[in-house]
Each structure stands twice: as structure tokens, then as C-alpha cells.
Amino acid sequence: MRVAVVGSGYVGLVSGACFSDFGHVVTCIDTDAAKVARLKEGGIPIFEPGLDVIVKRNHDADRLFFTTEFGPAISGADVVLIAVGTPSRRGEGLADVSFVMEAARQVARYVDGFTVVVTKSTVPVGTGDEVEAAIRAVRAESDVVVVSNPEFLREGAAIEDFKHPDRIVVGTEDERAQRVMRELYRPLFINETPILFTGRRTAELIKYASNAFLATKITFINEIADLCEKVGADVQSVARGMGLDRRIGPKFCMPGLAMAARAFPRTRPRWPRSLTSTEPRSGSSRQRSASTRSASLPWRNAWSWPAADRCKARRSPCWA
């Protein structure tokens, strides 16, 4: 299967490298000529353990290519992954999907025959509809199905997460696209990795809901840390005692400086406005306020810690 990946950032490069390791022929497209030149020479612009080995192995085997040209890569692709950045707009907390939309228009100019266009970027609910409309506006006759396939990668463990995921979420109800996506993930399908087919908007919301839930766990344990400080309890022991309950689990249950995961800070302010102006019926807004308060918690007594004077000029880590 021939795959084109638009965007060679964190998600795009990891996805492209891993899909080529599955045996697909992958071309990663990026408008940054310097980055493409570096990748062709074996340089990796991001830090991810093991990624350099996978890139070199598949580049040497002619399964992984890098280019700045959309035309040849898109026209010959069975699947096109859009994995460009979606930064938050300064002061608004809204996702900037302009790069996604521009990528969709570029894809529309060069698609040839039936093509599955997949959004891997973290996007607000309903973006898939906008991507499809953008493609139709450029090429109304194009035989394209737009699919949502959100990523759930952890920095530092992205390759393991990609090759041994908890689940694969695919947002499409088109049978042809479902067959293509099964073939794309065939090595994982053979290994009985759960593949969940849903509607496109449902898949987009699964990504946001997952991030919001994990962020809520971090915020909750930081609130408990505040309570522990007031009543004289040990938050580390409280967290361990909670985490040993299999219904709760220990992950994302460690107090610290708010959120450091790559997509968390971007997802959190977007949540209420990701679909409409209607607020979710959960306590998401209260959770955001609590997260802001808890971010300052570890600093309250920071300078009373042992050897605090030696630490004042140093940066403090964030848990994720």
C-alpha cells in the first residue's frame, strides 16, 4: 500500500516511519526544505528513542521517502495522512486548523482515483466535515473519503504506543474506507489489537474526551495534594493507595505541576468550544479552573524545601 503523510513533525514522522516498518511504501511531505534535507541525510528533527533506527532502516530499504513536492506523492497514494500542527490561537484557546485546511486543499489538487484522506492531527469536533468540504470545493468530482484516525502517542514511548496500542479508533462509516484502514493497520489487526470503527465526529470526540479525562485525573490528585497539605496527610501515600484500586489505576495519579503532555495544554482550553458554543454538561469548566489553581500548588512552599537556595535558578519538572 502506498501512503503519503502531510507533515513531518512529531505525529507525522512517527506515523510515517512506523507504517513503513509495517511494509507500506510511505512518502512524508513537508514544506520545510531544510527539514526534508536533514531527514534525507538521516537526521531526526525530534527526540524519540529508536526513531532514527526505524527511519534509516526503511529509508535504506526504499520504503520511506521525504519530499517537499505534493504532486507525485499524493497522486500515487492509496491513503493520505494529514498530520500538520494545530496550535492554539493566542488569547482565544481555539484550535488553529488553517494548516489542516491548506493541506486538504493541496491534497485535493493532486488526488487521483479513490483515496482515503485521514486526519491524524488533534482537531476540534467537526473538522473532518470542513476538510471534506475544502476538498470538494477544489475538486468536486474527486473520489475521496475523509476519515478521522486520532493518535494516542506518548512522547518518549511513541513507537511502542504505535506498534502496541491499546486501541485504534477509525472514524468512518464508508465500507471502502474501512477496508483500506484495515489493510493499513493489518499487522496490528492480525495481532488482535482492538479496532473501533465509529462515525467521524465520534472519533474526533474520543480524542478530546480521552485527553480531558486524563487531565481531570491530574487535576484531581493536585486538589487532593492541596487537601493533604491542609490536614497533614501524605499525598504520595494517598495516590498509591488510590492507584492500587484497579478501577482507578496509578497512571496520571501523581501530583505535580499541572500538565506536560504534548496535547493536553492544547486540548484543555478547546474543550468547551470544540463543537458548538454549548458547554458540556460535565464539570469541565470547573476542572480547568482547578487545574490553574493546582499548577501553583507546588510553588507555595517551594522555597522551604531542603537545599531550596541551590534550586532557585533551576527549572522544575512537570509530571505527565
C-alpha atoms as a PDB file:
ATOM      1  CA  MET A   1       0.000   0.000   0.000  1.00  0.00           C
ATOM      2  CA  ARG A   2       1.256   3.486  -0.853  1.00  0.00           C
ATOM      3  CA  VAL A   3       0.880   6.104   1.875  1.00  0.00           C
ATOM      4  CA  ALA A   4       1.517   9.858   1.831  1.00  0.00           C
ATOM      5  CA  VAL A   5       1.968  11.771   5.091  1.00  0.00           C
ATOM      6  CA  VAL A   6       1.499  15.545   5.013  1.00  0.00           C
ATOM      7  CA  GLY A   7       3.617  16.986   7.809  1.00  0.00           C
ATOM      8  CA  SER A   8       6.867  15.586   9.198  1.00  0.00           C
ATOM      9  CA  GLY A   9       6.516  16.783  12.763  1.00  0.00           C
ATOM     10  CA  TYR A  10       6.112  14.526  15.771  1.00  0.00           C
ATOM     11  CA  VAL A  11       2.957  12.674  14.734  1.00  0.00           C
ATOM     12  CA  GLY A  12       3.700  12.674  11.014  1.00  0.00           C
ATOM     13  CA  LEU A  13       7.265  11.381  11.272  1.00  0.00           C
ATOM     14  CA  VAL A  14       6.487   8.710  13.853  1.00  0.00           C
ATOM     15  CA  SER A  15       3.431   7.537  11.900  1.00  0.00           C
ATOM     16  CA  GLY A  16       5.255   7.535   8.566  1.00  0.00           C
ATOM     17  CA  ALA A  17       8.229   5.627   9.957  1.00  0.00           C
ATOM     18  CA  CYS A  18       6.075   3.023  11.697  1.00  0.00           C
ATOM     19  CA  PHE A  19       3.802   2.477   8.684  1.00  0.00           C
ATOM     20  CA  SER A  20       6.879   1.934   6.525  1.00  0.00           C
ATOM     21  CA  ASP A  21       8.074  -0.566   9.124  1.00  0.00           C
ATOM     22  CA  PHE A  22       4.757  -2.369   8.566  1.00  0.00           C
ATOM     23  CA  GLY A  23       5.801  -2.819   4.930  1.00  0.00           C
ATOM     24  CA  HIS A  24       3.954   0.074   3.307  1.00  0.00           C
ATOM     25  CA  VAL A  25       5.687   2.491   0.958  1.00  0.00           C
ATOM     26  CA  VAL A  26       5.495   5.885   2.670  1.00  0.00           C
ATOM     27  CA  THR A  27       6.323   9.382   1.448  1.00  0.00           C
ATOM     28  CA  CYS A  28       6.481  12.142   4.058  1.00  0.00           C
ATOM     29  CA  ILE A  29       5.771  15.628   2.686  1.00  0.00           C
ATOM     30  CA  ASP A  30       6.885  18.826   4.378  1.00  0.00           C
ATOM     31  CA  THR A  31       7.131  22.422   3.177  1.00  0.00           C
ATOM     32  CA  ASP A  32      10.294  22.951   5.249  1.00  0.00           C
ATOM     33  CA  ALA A  33      13.057  22.219   2.727  1.00  0.00           C
ATOM     34  CA  ALA A  34      15.760  22.250   5.403  1.00  0.00           C
ATOM     35  CA  LYS A  35      13.913  19.651   7.466  1.00  0.00           C
ATOM     36  CA  VAL A  36      13.404  17.429   4.418  1.00  0.00           C
ATOM     37  CA  ALA A  37      17.083  17.690   3.500  1.00  0.00           C
ATOM     38  CA  ARG A  38      18.043  16.751   7.052  1.00  0.00           C
ATOM     39  CA  LEU A  39      15.708  13.744   7.034  1.00  0.00           C
ATOM     40  CA  LYS A  40      17.127  12.535   3.731  1.00  0.00           C
ATOM     41  CA  GLU A  41      20.580  12.600   5.293  1.00  0.00           C
ATOM     42  CA  GLY A  42      19.411  10.564   8.287  1.00  0.00           C
ATOM     43  CA  GLY A  43      18.942  13.444  10.707  1.00  0.00           C
ATOM     44  CA  ILE A  44      15.935  13.344  13.057  1.00  0.00           C
ATOM     45  CA  PRO A  45      14.438  16.755  13.980  1.00  0.00           C
ATOM     46  CA  ILE A  46      12.707  15.423  17.113  1.00  0.00           C
ATOM     47  CA  PHE A  47      13.802  13.275  20.026  1.00  0.00           C
ATOM     48  CA  GLU A  48      12.135   9.885  20.144  1.00  0.00           C
ATOM     49  CA  PRO A  49      14.104   6.808  21.243  1.00  0.00           C
ATOM     50  CA  GLY A  50      14.530   4.299  18.407  1.00  0.00           C
ATOM     51  CA  LEU A  51      13.026   6.516  15.724  1.00  0.00           C
ATOM     52  CA  ASP A  52      16.362   7.106  14.000  1.00  0.00           C
ATOM     53  CA  VAL A  53      16.881   3.352  13.595  1.00  0.00           C
ATOM     54  CA  ILE A  54      13.441   2.826  12.040  1.00  0.00           C
ATOM     55  CA  VAL A  55      13.833   5.794   9.704  1.00  0.00           C
ATOM     56  CA  LYS A  56      17.257   4.656   8.498  1.00  0.00           C
ATOM     57  CA  ARG A  57      16.181   1.032   8.048  1.00  0.00           C
ATOM     58  CA  ASN A  58      13.158   1.875   5.942  1.00  0.00           C
ATOM     59  CA  HIS A  59      14.824   4.720   4.046  1.00  0.00           C
ATOM     60  CA  ASP A  60      17.626   2.325   3.041  1.00  0.00           C
ATOM     61  CA  ALA A  61      15.013  -0.270   2.028  1.00  0.00           C
ATOM     62  CA  ASP A  62      13.237   2.263  -0.239  1.00  0.00           C
ATOM     63  CA  ARG A  63      10.057   2.151   1.815  1.00  0.00           C
ATOM     64  CA  LEU A  64      10.354   5.635   3.346  1.00  0.00           C
ATOM     65  CA  PHE A  65      10.869   8.828   1.342  1.00  0.00           C
ATOM     66  CA  PHE A  66      10.895  12.550   2.095  1.00  0.00           C
ATOM     67  CA  THR A  67       9.923  15.372  -0.237  1.00  0.00           C
ATOM     68  CA  THR A  68       8.643  18.921  -0.478  1.00  0.00           C
ATOM     69  CA  GLU A  69       6.563  18.087  -3.590  1.00  0.00           C
ATOM     70  CA  PHE A  70       2.892  17.242  -3.117  1.00  0.00           C
ATOM     71  CA  GLY A  71       2.086  16.103  -6.645  1.00  0.00           C
ATOM     72  CA  PRO A  72       3.914  12.767  -7.118  1.00  0.00           C
ATOM     73  CA  ALA A  73       3.366  11.649  -3.524  1.00  0.00           C
ATOM     74  CA  ILE A  74      -0.370  12.405  -3.430  1.00  0.00           C
ATOM     75  CA  SER A  75      -1.308  11.201  -6.912  1.00  0.00           C
ATOM     76  CA  GLY A  76       0.064   7.719  -6.293  1.00  0.00           C
ATOM     77  CA  ALA A  77      -1.216   7.280  -2.741  1.00  0.00           C
ATOM     78  CA  ASP A  78      -3.964   4.966  -1.532  1.00  0.00           C
ATOM     79  CA  VAL A  79      -4.031   6.769   1.814  1.00  0.00           C
ATOM     80  CA  VAL A  80      -3.093  10.359   2.645  1.00  0.00           C
ATOM     81  CA  LEU A  81      -2.493  11.231   6.296  1.00  0.00           C
ATOM     82  CA  ILE A  82      -2.816  14.867   7.361  1.00  0.00           C
ATOM     83  CA  ALA A  83      -0.541  15.309  10.373  1.00  0.00           C
ATOM     84  CA  VAL A  84       0.193  19.026  10.463  1.00  0.00           C
ATOM     85  CA  GLY A  85       0.193  21.283  13.507  1.00  0.00           C
ATOM     86  CA  THR A  86      -2.952  22.708  15.098  1.00  0.00           C
ATOM     87  CA  PRO A  87      -1.645  25.296  17.579  1.00  0.00           C
ATOM     88  CA  SER A  88      -3.965  27.219  19.868  1.00  0.00           C
ATOM     89  CA  ARG A  89      -4.705  30.777  18.846  1.00  0.00           C
ATOM     90  CA  ARG A  90      -3.104  33.164  21.278  1.00  0.00           C
ATOM     91  CA  GLY A  91      -5.614  34.566  23.746  1.00  0.00           C
ATOM     92  CA  GLU A  92      -8.561  32.608  22.310  1.00  0.00           C
ATOM     93  CA  GLY A  93      -7.954  28.998  23.315  1.00  0.00           C
ATOM     94  CA  LEU A  94      -9.281  27.864  19.938  1.00  0.00           C
ATOM     95  CA  ALA A  95      -7.502  25.452  17.642  1.00  0.00           C
ATOM     96  CA  ASP A  96      -5.948  26.960  14.537  1.00  0.00           C
ATOM     97  CA  VAL A  97      -6.824  24.457  11.811  1.00  0.00           C
ATOM     98  CA  SER A  98      -5.559  26.642   8.962  1.00  0.00           C
ATOM     99  CA  PHE A  99      -2.644  24.274   8.314  1.00  0.00           C
ATOM    100  CA  VAL A 100      -5.045  21.336   8.148  1.00  0.00           C
ATOM    101  CA  MET A 101      -7.296  23.134   5.686  1.00  0.00           C
ATOM    102  CA  GLU A 102      -4.378  24.187   3.487  1.00  0.00           C
ATOM    103  CA  ALA A 103      -3.127  20.606   3.479  1.00  0.00           C
ATOM    104  CA  ALA A 104      -6.598  19.418   2.452  1.00  0.00           C
ATOM    105  CA  ARG A 105      -6.659  21.854  -0.465  1.00  0.00           C
ATOM    106  CA  GLN A 106      -3.211  20.722  -1.592  1.00  0.00           C
ATOM    107  CA  VAL A 107      -4.300  17.093  -1.402  1.00  0.00           C
ATOM    108  CA  ALA A 108      -7.422  17.857  -3.446  1.00  0.00           C
ATOM    109  CA  ARG A 109      -5.335  19.249  -6.301  1.00  0.00           C
ATOM    110  CA  TYR A 110      -3.406  16.024  -6.804  1.00  0.00           C
ATOM    111  CA  VAL A 111      -5.562  13.054  -5.723  1.00  0.00           C
ATOM    112  CA  ASP A 112      -6.068  10.502  -8.465  1.00  0.00           C
ATOM    113  CA  GLY A 113      -8.699   7.784  -8.135  1.00  0.00           C
ATOM    114  CA  PHE A 114     -10.208   6.527  -4.903  1.00  0.00           C
ATOM    115  CA  THR A 115      -8.232   7.926  -1.954  1.00  0.00           C
ATOM    116  CA  VAL A 116      -8.733   7.824   1.791  1.00  0.00           C
ATOM    117  CA  VAL A 117      -7.748  11.117   3.436  1.00  0.00           C
ATOM    118  CA  VAL A 118      -7.053  10.657   7.142  1.00  0.00           C
ATOM    119  CA  THR A 119      -6.835  13.399   9.765  1.00  0.00           C
ATOM    120  CA  LYS A 120      -4.230  12.424  12.353  1.00  0.00           C
ATOM    121  CA  SER A 121      -3.874  15.937  13.773  1.00  0.00           C
ATOM    122  CA  THR A 122      -5.662  16.780  17.014  1.00  0.00           C
ATOM    123  CA  VAL A 123      -8.606  18.775  15.691  1.00  0.00           C
ATOM    124  CA  PRO A 124     -11.926  20.105  17.051  1.00  0.00           C
ATOM    125  CA  VAL A 125     -15.024  18.014  16.515  1.00  0.00           C
ATOM    126  CA  GLY A 126     -16.447  18.681  13.072  1.00  0.00           C
ATOM    127  CA  THR A 127     -13.112  19.410  11.393  1.00  0.00           C
ATOM    128  CA  GLY A 128     -13.485  16.308   9.225  1.00  0.00           C
ATOM    129  CA  ASP A 129     -16.619  17.858   7.712  1.00  0.00           C
ATOM    130  CA  GLU A 130     -14.665  21.024   6.939  1.00  0.00           C
ATOM    131  CA  VAL A 131     -11.810  19.036   5.384  1.00  0.00           C
ATOM    132  CA  GLU A 132     -14.256  17.202   3.145  1.00  0.00           C
ATOM    133  CA  ALA A 133     -15.889  20.484   2.119  1.00  0.00           C
ATOM    134  CA  ALA A 134     -12.490  22.012   1.329  1.00  0.00           C
ATOM    135  CA  ILE A 135     -11.591  19.059  -0.889  1.00  0.00           C
ATOM    136  CA  ARG A 136     -14.941  19.195  -2.700  1.00  0.00           C
ATOM    137  CA  ALA A 137     -14.512  22.937  -3.246  1.00  0.00           C
ATOM    138  CA  VAL A 138     -11.278  22.308  -5.130  1.00  0.00           C
ATOM    139  CA  ARG A 139     -12.224  19.042  -6.852  1.00  0.00           C
ATOM    140  CA  ALA A 140     -15.938  18.350  -6.675  1.00  0.00           C
ATOM    141  CA  GLU A 141     -15.576  15.161  -8.711  1.00  0.00           C
ATOM    142  CA  SER A 142     -12.786  13.645  -6.575  1.00  0.00           C
ATOM    143  CA  ASP A 143     -13.420  10.146  -5.204  1.00  0.00           C
ATOM    144  CA  VAL A 144     -12.268  10.847  -1.653  1.00  0.00           C
ATOM    145  CA  VAL A 145     -13.405   9.653   1.763  1.00  0.00           C
ATOM    146  CA  VAL A 146     -12.277  11.706   4.771  1.00  0.00           C
ATOM    147  CA  VAL A 147     -11.557   9.617   7.869  1.00  0.00           C
ATOM    148  CA  SER A 148     -10.693  10.567  11.437  1.00  0.00           C
ATOM    149  CA  ASN A 149      -7.929   8.437  12.966  1.00  0.00           C
ATOM    150  CA  PRO A 150      -6.702  10.201  16.131  1.00  0.00           C
ATOM    151  CA  GLU A 151      -3.294   9.414  17.598  1.00  0.00           C
ATOM    152  CA  PHE A 152      -2.662   8.440  21.211  1.00  0.00           C
ATOM    153  CA  LEU A 153       1.123   8.670  21.379  1.00  0.00           C
ATOM    154  CA  ARG A 154       3.224   9.484  24.427  1.00  0.00           C
ATOM    155  CA  GLU A 155       6.451  11.371  23.920  1.00  0.00           C
ATOM    156  CA  GLY A 156       9.356   9.046  24.638  1.00  0.00           C
ATOM    157  CA  ALA A 157       7.215   5.952  24.078  1.00  0.00           C
ATOM    158  CA  ALA A 158       5.595   6.811  20.742  1.00  0.00           C
ATOM    159  CA  ILE A 159       6.957   3.837  18.808  1.00  0.00           C
ATOM    160  CA  GLU A 160       5.808   1.384  21.454  1.00  0.00           C
ATOM    161  CA  ASP A 161       2.410   3.106  21.558  1.00  0.00           C
ATOM    162  CA  PHE A 162       2.096   2.990  17.772  1.00  0.00           C
ATOM    163  CA  LYS A 163       3.066  -0.661  17.382  1.00  0.00           C
ATOM    164  CA  HIS A 164       1.329  -1.924  20.522  1.00  0.00           C
ATOM    165  CA  PRO A 165      -1.657   0.396  21.007  1.00  0.00           C
ATOM    166  CA  ASP A 166      -4.499  -0.092  23.451  1.00  0.00           C
ATOM    167  CA  ARG A 167      -6.899   0.537  20.585  1.00  0.00           C
ATOM    168  CA  ILE A 168      -7.180   2.056  17.118  1.00  0.00           C
ATOM    169  CA  VAL A 169     -10.027   4.495  16.570  1.00  0.00           C
ATOM    170  CA  VAL A 170     -11.228   4.962  12.982  1.00  0.00           C
ATOM    171  CA  GLY A 171     -13.998   7.435  12.245  1.00  0.00           C
ATOM    172  CA  THR A 172     -15.755   6.441   9.049  1.00  0.00           C
ATOM    173  CA  GLU A 173     -18.924   4.618   8.056  1.00  0.00           C
ATOM    174  CA  ASP A 174     -17.786   4.125   4.451  1.00  0.00           C
ATOM    175  CA  GLU A 175     -17.148   0.416   3.770  1.00  0.00           C
ATOM    176  CA  ARG A 176     -14.439   1.058   1.184  1.00  0.00           C
ATOM    177  CA  ALA A 177     -12.560   3.295   3.591  1.00  0.00           C
ATOM    178  CA  GLN A 178     -12.933   0.734   6.381  1.00  0.00           C
ATOM    179  CA  ARG A 179     -11.329  -1.921   4.176  1.00  0.00           C
ATOM    180  CA  VAL A 180      -8.442   0.404   3.360  1.00  0.00           C
ATOM    181  CA  MET A 181      -7.893   1.263   7.033  1.00  0.00           C
ATOM    182  CA  ARG A 182      -7.925  -2.419   7.989  1.00  0.00           C
ATOM    183  CA  GLU A 183      -5.246  -3.047   5.385  1.00  0.00           C
ATOM    184  CA  LEU A 184      -3.239  -0.047   6.605  1.00  0.00           C
ATOM    185  CA  TYR A 185      -3.224  -1.453  10.137  1.00  0.00           C
ATOM    186  CA  ARG A 186      -3.156  -5.102   9.061  1.00  0.00           C
ATOM    187  CA  PRO A 187      -0.128  -6.098  11.209  1.00  0.00           C
ATOM    188  CA  LEU A 188      -1.936  -4.822  14.295  1.00  0.00           C
ATOM    189  CA  PHE A 189      -5.246  -6.333  13.180  1.00  0.00           C
ATOM    190  CA  ILE A 190      -3.540  -9.735  12.950  1.00  0.00           C
ATOM    191  CA  ASN A 191      -2.264  -9.253  16.498  1.00  0.00           C
ATOM    192  CA  GLU A 192      -5.881  -8.725  17.618  1.00  0.00           C
ATOM    193  CA  THR A 193      -5.458  -5.072  18.519  1.00  0.00           C
ATOM    194  CA  PRO A 194      -8.980  -3.671  19.089  1.00  0.00           C
ATOM    195  CA  ILE A 195     -10.041  -1.537  16.123  1.00  0.00           C
ATOM    196  CA  LEU A 196     -13.066   0.629  16.826  1.00  0.00           C
ATOM    197  CA  PHE A 197     -14.995   1.911  13.809  1.00  0.00           C
ATOM    198  CA  THR A 198     -17.234   4.869  14.612  1.00  0.00           C
ATOM    199  CA  GLY A 199     -18.709   7.910  12.984  1.00  0.00           C
ATOM    200  CA  ARG A 200     -16.201  10.626  12.083  1.00  0.00           C
ATOM    201  CA  ARG A 201     -17.323  13.123  14.715  1.00  0.00           C
ATOM    202  CA  THR A 202     -17.407  10.382  17.333  1.00  0.00           C
ATOM    203  CA  ALA A 203     -13.754   9.547  16.622  1.00  0.00           C
ATOM    204  CA  GLU A 204     -12.780  13.201  16.887  1.00  0.00           C
ATOM    205  CA  LEU A 205     -14.547  13.473  20.234  1.00  0.00           C
ATOM    206  CA  ILE A 206     -12.932  10.275  21.555  1.00  0.00           C
ATOM    207  CA  LYS A 207      -9.561  12.020  21.294  1.00  0.00           C
ATOM    208  CA  TYR A 208     -10.793  15.079  23.187  1.00  0.00           C
ATOM    209  CA  ALA A 209     -12.657  13.041  25.787  1.00  0.00           C
ATOM    210  CA  SER A 210      -9.611  10.849  26.433  1.00  0.00           C
ATOM    211  CA  ASN A 211      -7.321  13.834  26.924  1.00  0.00           C
ATOM    212  CA  ALA A 212      -9.880  15.602  29.101  1.00  0.00           C
ATOM    213  CA  PHE A 213     -10.296  12.545  31.325  1.00  0.00           C
ATOM    214  CA  LEU A 214      -6.547  12.136  31.840  1.00  0.00           C
ATOM    215  CA  ALA A 215      -6.231  15.860  32.524  1.00  0.00           C
ATOM    216  CA  THR A 216      -9.022  15.535  35.079  1.00  0.00           C
ATOM    217  CA  LYS A 217      -7.066  12.810  36.917  1.00  0.00           C
ATOM    218  CA  ILE A 218      -4.041  15.093  37.152  1.00  0.00           C
ATOM    219  CA  THR A 219      -6.174  17.986  38.352  1.00  0.00           C
ATOM    220  CA  PHE A 220      -7.940  15.786  40.909  1.00  0.00           C
ATOM    221  CA  ILE A 221      -4.760  14.492  42.521  1.00  0.00           C
ATOM    222  CA  ASN A 222      -3.417  18.048  42.675  1.00  0.00           C
ATOM    223  CA  GLU A 223      -6.587  19.074  44.523  1.00  0.00           C
ATOM    224  CA  ILE A 224      -6.030  16.145  46.890  1.00  0.00           C
ATOM    225  CA  ALA A 225      -2.444  17.359  47.367  1.00  0.00           C
ATOM    226  CA  ASP A 226      -3.865  20.719  48.456  1.00  0.00           C
ATOM    227  CA  LEU A 227      -6.156  18.950  50.921  1.00  0.00           C
ATOM    228  CA  CYS A 228      -3.275  16.797  52.211  1.00  0.00           C
ATOM    229  CA  GLU A 229      -1.245  19.916  52.886  1.00  0.00           C
ATOM    230  CA  LYS A 230      -4.077  21.344  54.977  1.00  0.00           C
ATOM    231  CA  VAL A 231      -4.829  18.216  57.026  1.00  0.00           C
ATOM    232  CA  GLY A 232      -1.274  16.879  57.366  1.00  0.00           C
ATOM    233  CA  ALA A 233      -1.618  13.793  55.168  1.00  0.00           C
ATOM    234  CA  ASP A 234       0.951  12.320  52.773  1.00  0.00           C
ATOM    235  CA  VAL A 235      -0.252  12.789  49.191  1.00  0.00           C
ATOM    236  CA  GLN A 236       2.245  10.225  47.839  1.00  0.00           C
ATOM    237  CA  SER A 237       0.715   7.533  50.033  1.00  0.00           C
ATOM    238  CA  VAL A 238      -2.807   8.710  49.184  1.00  0.00           C
ATOM    239  CA  ALA A 239      -2.007   8.480  45.463  1.00  0.00           C
ATOM    240  CA  ARG A 240      -0.538   5.000  45.885  1.00  0.00           C
ATOM    241  CA  GLY A 241      -3.495   3.862  47.940  1.00  0.00           C
ATOM    242  CA  MET A 242      -5.875   5.096  45.253  1.00  0.00           C
ATOM    243  CA  GLY A 243      -3.813   3.702  42.374  1.00  0.00           C
ATOM    244  CA  LEU A 244      -3.809   0.172  43.782  1.00  0.00           C
ATOM    245  CA  ASP A 245      -7.550   0.102  43.124  1.00  0.00           C
ATOM    246  CA  ARG A 246      -7.759  -1.443  39.652  1.00  0.00           C
ATOM    247  CA  ARG A 247     -10.789   0.686  38.845  1.00  0.00           C
ATOM    248  CA  ILE A 248      -8.639   3.806  39.289  1.00  0.00           C
ATOM    249  CA  GLY A 249      -5.096   2.721  38.444  1.00  0.00           C
ATOM    250  CA  PRO A 250      -1.826   4.514  39.197  1.00  0.00           C
ATOM    251  CA  LYS A 251      -1.294   6.283  35.875  1.00  0.00           C
ATOM    252  CA  PHE A 252      -1.814  10.054  35.779  1.00  0.00           C
ATOM    253  CA  CYS A 253      -2.338   9.976  39.529  1.00  0.00           C
ATOM    254  CA  MET A 254       0.854  11.750  40.599  1.00  0.00           C
ATOM    255  CA  PRO A 255       0.723  15.331  41.941  1.00  0.00           C
ATOM    256  CA  GLY A 256       2.865  17.844  40.121  1.00  0.00           C
ATOM    257  CA  LEU A 257       2.981  20.992  38.028  1.00  0.00           C
ATOM    258  CA  ALA A 258      -0.231  20.718  36.014  1.00  0.00           C
ATOM    259  CA  MET A 259       0.120  19.090  32.580  1.00  0.00           C
ATOM    260  CA  ALA A 260       3.173  18.474  30.440  1.00  0.00           C
ATOM    261  CA  ALA A 261       1.843  16.038  27.844  1.00  0.00           C
ATOM    262  CA  ARG A 262       2.060  17.321  24.285  1.00  0.00           C
ATOM    263  CA  ALA A 263      -1.671  17.541  23.503  1.00  0.00           C
ATOM    264  CA  PHE A 264      -3.055  18.273  26.982  1.00  0.00           C
ATOM    265  CA  PRO A 265      -2.481  22.033  27.119  1.00  0.00           C
ATOM    266  CA  ARG A 266      -3.946  22.383  23.624  1.00  0.00           C
ATOM    267  CA  THR A 267      -6.982  20.216  24.313  1.00  0.00           C
ATOM    268  CA  ARG A 268      -7.945  21.717  27.658  1.00  0.00           C
ATOM    269  CA  PRO A 269      -8.881  25.250  26.551  1.00  0.00           C
ATOM    270  CA  ARG A 270     -10.513  23.949  23.352  1.00  0.00           C
ATOM    271  CA  TRP A 271     -12.882  21.516  25.042  1.00  0.00           C
ATOM    272  CA  PRO A 272     -15.956  23.729  25.637  1.00  0.00           C
ATOM    273  CA  ARG A 273     -15.802  25.213  22.146  1.00  0.00           C
ATOM    274  CA  SER A 274     -14.693  22.139  20.219  1.00  0.00           C
ATOM    275  CA  LEU A 275     -18.085  21.509  18.626  1.00  0.00           C
ATOM    276  CA  THR A 276     -20.511  24.342  19.393  1.00  0.00           C
ATOM    277  CA  SER A 277     -20.836  27.177  21.875  1.00  0.00           C
ATOM    278  CA  THR A 278     -22.743  24.834  24.200  1.00  0.00           C
ATOM    279  CA  GLU A 279     -20.881  23.983  27.389  1.00  0.00           C
ATOM    280  CA  PRO A 280     -20.558  20.251  28.158  1.00  0.00           C
ATOM    281  CA  ARG A 281     -22.769  19.070  30.990  1.00  0.00           C
ATOM    282  CA  SER A 282     -19.752  17.823  32.957  1.00  0.00           C
ATOM    283  CA  GLY A 283     -17.627  19.894  35.310  1.00  0.00           C
ATOM    284  CA  SER A 284     -15.052  20.626  32.614  1.00  0.00           C
ATOM    285  CA  SER A 285     -15.046  24.365  33.241  1.00  0.00           C
ATOM    286  CA  ARG A 286     -14.570  23.833  36.959  1.00  0.00           C
ATOM    287  CA  GLN A 287     -11.834  21.324  36.157  1.00  0.00           C
ATOM    288  CA  ARG A 288      -9.991  23.915  34.104  1.00  0.00           C
ATOM    289  CA  SER A 289     -10.132  26.406  36.965  1.00  0.00           C
ATOM    290  CA  ALA A 290      -8.919  23.772  39.406  1.00  0.00           C
ATOM    291  CA  SER A 291      -6.068  22.884  37.075  1.00  0.00           C
ATOM    292  CA  THR A 292      -4.991  26.522  37.001  1.00  0.00           C
ATOM    293  CA  ARG A 293      -5.062  26.708  40.792  1.00  0.00           C
ATOM    294  CA  SER A 294      -3.263  23.398  41.273  1.00  0.00           C
ATOM    295  CA  ALA A 295      -0.497  24.446  38.911  1.00  0.00           C
ATOM    296  CA  SER A 296       0.708  26.904  41.536  1.00  0.00           C
ATOM    297  CA  LEU A 297       0.364  24.482  44.460  1.00  0.00           C
ATOM    298  CA  PRO A 298       3.900  23.009  44.440  1.00  0.00           C
ATOM    299  CA  TRP A 299       5.395  26.514  44.494  1.00  0.00           C
ATOM    300  CA  ARG A 300       3.638  27.609  47.686  1.00  0.00           C
ATOM    301  CA  ASN A 301       6.238  26.090  49.972  1.00  0.00           C
ATOM    302  CA  ALA A 302       8.899  25.530  47.327  1.00  0.00           C
ATOM    303  CA  TRP A 303      11.483  27.748  48.987  1.00  0.00           C
ATOM    304  CA  SER A 304      11.111  25.902  52.298  1.00  0.00           C
ATOM    305  CA  TRP A 305      12.279  22.645  50.678  1.00  0.00           C
ATOM    306  CA  PRO A 306      15.753  21.310  51.602  1.00  0.00           C
ATOM    307  CA  ALA A 307      18.516  22.941  49.567  1.00  0.00           C
ATOM    308  CA  ALA A 308      15.967  25.335  48.081  1.00  0.00           C
ATOM    309  CA  ASP A 309      18.590  28.023  47.653  1.00  0.00           C
ATOM    310  CA  ARG A 310      20.531  25.781  45.290  1.00  0.00           C
ATOM    311  CA  CYS A 311      17.398  25.064  43.241  1.00  0.00           C
ATOM    312  CA  LYS A 312      16.169  28.612  42.680  1.00  0.00           C
ATOM    313  CA  ALA A 313      17.987  29.013  39.391  1.00  0.00           C
ATOM    314  CA  ARG A 314      16.881  25.647  38.060  1.00  0.00           C
ATOM    315  CA  ARG A 315      13.785  24.580  36.208  1.00  0.00           C
ATOM    316  CA  SER A 316      11.251  22.327  37.873  1.00  0.00           C
ATOM    317  CA  PRO A 317       9.899  19.263  36.040  1.00  0.00           C
ATOM    318  CA  CYS A 318       6.272  18.616  35.167  1.00  0.00           C
ATOM    319  CA  TRP A 319       4.521  15.269  35.563  1.00  0.00           C
ATOM    320  CA  ALA A 320       2.574  13.828  32.642  1.00  0.00           C
END
